[in-house]
Protein backbone atom coordinates (compact mmCIF):
# COMPACT_ATOMS: atom_id res chain seq x y z
CA UNK A 1 190.19 89.88 92.04
CA UNK A 2 189.91 91.86 88.83
CA UNK A 3 186.52 90.32 88.09
CA UNK A 4 185.13 91.33 91.48
CA UNK A 5 186.40 94.87 91.03
CA UNK A 6 185.04 95.09 87.47
CA UNK A 7 181.63 93.84 88.60
CA UNK A 8 181.49 96.66 91.15
CA UNK A 9 182.39 99.17 88.46
CA UNK A 10 179.63 97.87 86.22
CA UNK A 11 177.16 98.03 89.10
CA UNK A 12 177.62 101.77 89.46
CA UNK A 13 180.80 102.18 91.51
CA UNK A 14 182.29 104.21 88.66
CA UNK A 15 179.93 107.05 89.60
CA UNK A 16 181.45 107.23 93.08
CA UNK A 17 184.93 107.17 91.55
CA UNK A 18 184.13 110.03 89.16
CA UNK A 19 182.49 112.09 91.90
CA UNK A 20 185.44 111.41 94.20
CA UNK A 21 187.90 112.40 91.48
CA UNK A 22 185.96 115.61 90.89
CA UNK A 23 186.03 116.42 94.61
CA UNK A 24 189.79 115.76 94.76
CA UNK A 25 190.49 118.07 91.83
CA UNK A 26 188.15 120.78 93.12
CA UNK A 27 189.77 120.83 96.55
CA UNK A 28 193.29 120.96 95.13
CA UNK A 29 192.60 123.54 92.39
CA UNK A 30 190.51 125.97 94.42
CA UNK A 31 192.75 125.42 97.44
CA UNK A 32 195.79 126.40 95.37
CA UNK A 33 194.02 129.49 93.97
CA UNK A 34 193.10 130.65 97.47
CA UNK A 35 196.60 129.81 98.64
CA UNK A 36 198.22 131.88 95.89
CA UNK A 37 196.03 134.89 96.68
CA UNK A 38 196.64 134.69 100.43
CA UNK A 39 200.30 133.78 100.03
CA UNK A 40 200.97 136.71 97.71
CA UNK A 41 199.36 139.17 100.13
CA UNK A 42 201.37 137.79 103.05
CA UNK A 43 204.59 137.86 101.02
CA UNK A 44 204.03 141.51 100.11
CA UNK A 45 203.41 142.34 103.78
CA UNK A 46 206.66 140.56 104.66
CA UNK A 47 208.80 142.48 102.17
CA UNK A 48 207.36 146.00 102.42
CA UNK A 49 209.36 148.50 104.51
CA UNK A 50 208.29 148.56 108.17
CA UNK A 51 208.56 152.32 108.71
CA UNK A 52 204.94 152.68 109.87
CA UNK A 53 202.98 150.94 112.59
CA UNK A 54 200.40 149.28 110.30
CA UNK A 55 202.94 147.20 108.33
CA UNK A 56 204.47 146.07 111.63
CA UNK A 57 201.10 144.94 112.98
CA UNK A 58 200.25 143.14 109.76
CA UNK A 59 203.65 141.48 109.79
CA UNK A 60 203.03 140.10 113.29
CA UNK A 61 199.57 138.82 112.29
CA UNK A 62 200.99 137.11 109.21
CA UNK A 63 203.76 135.53 111.29
CA UNK A 64 201.20 134.00 113.67
CA UNK A 65 199.07 132.83 110.73
CA UNK A 66 201.98 131.16 108.95
CA UNK A 67 203.23 129.64 112.18
CA UNK A 68 199.86 128.07 112.96
CA UNK A 69 199.21 126.52 109.57
CA UNK A 70 202.78 125.32 109.13
CA UNK A 71 203.00 124.04 112.69
CA UNK A 72 199.82 121.95 112.89
CA UNK A 73 198.81 118.85 110.87
CA UNK A 74 196.35 119.29 108.03
CA UNK A 75 194.05 116.72 109.66
CA UNK A 76 193.83 118.81 112.83
CA UNK A 77 193.09 121.92 110.76
CA UNK A 78 190.27 120.13 108.95
CA UNK A 79 188.77 118.90 112.20
CA UNK A 80 189.01 122.33 113.82
CA UNK A 81 187.50 124.00 110.77
CA UNK A 82 184.61 121.57 110.35
CA UNK A 83 183.73 120.73 113.96
CA UNK A 84 184.80 123.89 115.82
CA UNK A 85 185.09 126.98 113.61
CA UNK A 86 181.98 126.51 111.47
CA UNK A 87 179.66 125.83 114.45
CA UNK A 88 181.12 128.76 116.40
CA UNK A 89 180.48 131.08 113.46
CA UNK A 90 177.03 129.50 112.88
CA UNK A 91 177.98 128.77 109.28
CA UNK A 92 176.22 125.83 107.64
CA UNK A 93 178.86 124.63 105.16
CA UNK A 94 179.29 121.14 103.75
CA UNK A 95 182.53 119.20 104.07
CA UNK A 96 183.68 119.98 100.54
CA UNK A 97 183.54 123.75 101.03
CA UNK A 98 185.25 123.49 104.40
CA UNK A 99 187.98 121.33 102.85
CA UNK A 100 188.54 123.86 100.06
CA UNK A 101 188.77 126.69 102.61
CA UNK A 102 191.18 124.85 104.94
CA UNK A 103 193.34 123.66 102.06
CA UNK A 104 193.46 127.23 100.77
CA UNK A 105 194.41 128.65 104.15
CA UNK A 106 197.06 125.98 104.64
CA UNK A 107 198.45 126.46 101.16
CA UNK A 108 198.56 130.23 101.72
CA UNK A 109 201.01 129.75 104.59
CA UNK A 110 203.39 127.75 102.41
CA UNK A 111 202.93 129.82 99.26
CA UNK A 112 203.71 132.97 101.27
CA UNK A 113 207.23 131.72 101.94
CA UNK A 114 207.59 130.53 98.36
CA UNK A 115 206.39 133.88 97.03
CA UNK A 116 208.58 135.83 99.44
CA UNK A 117 211.59 133.97 98.13
CA UNK A 118 210.46 134.68 94.57
CA UNK A 119 210.05 138.39 95.26
CA UNK A 120 213.48 138.56 96.88
CA UNK A 121 214.97 136.84 93.82
CA UNK A 122 213.88 139.72 91.59
CA UNK A 123 216.55 142.37 91.20
CA UNK A 124 215.70 145.32 93.45
CA UNK A 125 216.55 147.59 90.54
CA UNK A 126 213.31 146.51 88.87
CA UNK A 127 211.29 147.97 91.73
CA UNK A 128 213.42 151.10 91.87
CA UNK A 129 212.99 151.61 88.11
CA UNK A 130 209.23 151.45 88.49
CA UNK A 131 209.32 153.92 91.35
CA UNK A 132 211.55 156.23 89.29
CA UNK A 133 208.89 156.23 86.58
CA UNK A 134 206.37 157.56 89.09
CA UNK A 135 204.64 154.30 89.98
CA UNK A 136 203.36 153.73 93.49
CA UNK A 137 205.02 151.00 95.54
CA UNK A 138 201.93 148.79 95.31
CA UNK A 139 201.61 149.29 91.55
CA UNK A 140 205.28 148.51 90.98
CA UNK A 141 204.96 145.33 93.03
CA UNK A 142 201.83 144.15 91.20
CA UNK A 143 202.90 145.07 87.66
CA UNK A 144 206.66 144.51 87.75
CA UNK A 145 207.93 142.42 90.66
CA UNK A 146 205.18 139.85 91.32
CA UNK A 147 204.86 138.65 87.66
CA UNK A 148 208.61 138.00 87.59
CA UNK A 149 208.45 136.31 90.99
CA UNK A 150 205.67 133.98 89.81
CA UNK A 151 207.78 132.95 86.84
CA UNK A 152 210.74 132.18 89.13
CA UNK A 153 208.69 130.06 91.54
CA UNK A 154 206.54 128.23 88.98
CA UNK A 155 208.20 124.81 89.56
CA UNK A 156 207.77 125.20 93.32
CA UNK A 157 204.11 126.12 92.87
CA UNK A 158 203.75 122.97 90.81
CA UNK A 159 205.14 120.98 93.72
CA UNK A 160 202.65 122.68 96.04
CA UNK A 161 199.81 121.69 93.71
CA UNK A 162 201.04 118.08 93.73
CA UNK A 163 201.18 118.15 97.52
CA UNK A 164 197.60 119.40 97.70
CA UNK A 165 196.42 116.66 95.34
CA UNK A 166 197.97 113.99 97.54
CA UNK A 167 196.82 115.59 100.80
CA UNK A 168 193.18 115.40 99.70
CA UNK A 169 193.32 111.74 100.76
CA UNK A 170 192.58 112.85 104.35
CA UNK A 171 189.38 114.82 103.70
CA UNK A 172 187.25 111.80 104.56
CA UNK A 173 187.81 112.85 108.19
CA UNK A 174 185.13 115.48 107.59
CA UNK A 175 182.80 113.26 105.54
CA UNK A 176 184.01 114.30 102.09
CA UNK A 177 183.98 111.53 99.49
CA UNK A 178 187.20 112.05 97.57
CA UNK A 179 188.90 109.58 95.23
CA UNK A 180 190.58 107.77 98.15
CA UNK A 181 187.31 107.39 100.05
CA UNK A 182 185.58 106.12 96.91
CA UNK A 183 188.11 103.35 96.36
CA UNK A 184 188.18 102.51 100.08
CA UNK A 185 184.43 101.97 99.99
CA UNK A 186 184.79 99.71 96.96
CA UNK A 187 187.51 97.70 98.70
CA UNK A 188 185.56 97.39 101.95
CA UNK A 189 182.45 96.14 100.15
CA UNK A 190 184.05 92.79 99.27
CA UNK A 191 187.22 92.85 101.36
CA UNK A 192 189.27 92.92 98.16
CA UNK A 193 191.94 95.57 98.60
CA UNK A 194 194.72 94.83 96.14
CA UNK A 195 193.08 95.87 92.86
CA UNK A 196 191.19 98.94 94.14
CA UNK A 197 194.25 100.36 95.89
CA UNK A 198 196.50 99.66 92.90
CA UNK A 199 194.03 101.55 90.70
CA UNK A 200 193.92 104.36 93.26
CA UNK A 201 197.71 104.67 93.19
CA UNK A 202 197.64 104.70 89.39
CA UNK A 203 195.12 107.55 89.33
CA UNK A 204 197.27 109.63 91.68
CA UNK A 205 200.31 108.96 89.49
CA UNK A 206 198.38 110.10 86.41
CA UNK A 207 197.23 113.30 88.15
CA UNK A 208 200.79 114.10 89.24
CA UNK A 209 202.08 113.39 85.72
CA UNK A 210 199.49 115.77 84.24
CA UNK A 211 200.48 118.54 86.68
CA UNK A 212 204.17 117.99 85.93
CA UNK A 213 203.57 118.26 82.18
CA UNK A 214 201.49 121.40 82.67
CA UNK A 215 204.22 123.07 84.73
CA UNK A 216 206.85 122.19 82.13
CA UNK A 217 204.62 123.59 79.37
CA UNK A 218 204.21 126.87 81.26
CA UNK A 219 207.97 127.04 81.90
CA UNK A 220 208.65 126.68 78.17
CA UNK A 221 206.12 129.39 77.36
CA UNK A 222 207.73 131.78 79.83
CA UNK A 223 211.18 130.96 78.44
CA UNK A 224 210.03 131.77 74.91
CA UNK A 225 208.54 135.08 76.02
CA UNK A 226 211.84 135.97 77.71
CA UNK A 227 213.81 135.29 74.54
CA UNK A 228 211.44 137.49 72.56
């Protein structure tokens, strides 16, 4: 079994594996970045006072957005994005870009709730102190509250990143060759599944371990800055 798998690697299958790994990382990383940006905006909309009509309208829109992306499977979202939304908008985008966009939109719905919890965990006196110093509400949120919220939710964001890494295994539904698709093709070529899938599981474990170590490193850095 190992010999068959190694022969495929030597015959060029490693290129598909590397390209698939790159696609997996790209989707997860850029998806998380988009998700953090969208999630932060939604969280701010959720926590701002609703004295005026515009915040109320935005709040309703955000509620529908979060409800849709949290209430439908990622696979359905990918299929809708690639086969329905892109053609309707006459946008010629490849599967990788669509996957990054959908993963970002999906992540934004989850990060919004994570970020909202992080913002609520910050003492309200911090915001009031900023306002007392003459800062606008938006400036106080961006410069005082949100940085502290990000520090509080860092472990949860790490879990979201891990979830995105693992969820990339479904992007082959829209013709994206990720790491899972690459190993599946290798396994299907000779009907030898044990070794390729064991290697695939090992790669995912390594990626998750790297993310976990990175999150712990950032937590230690934040802890040191707090003590200083």
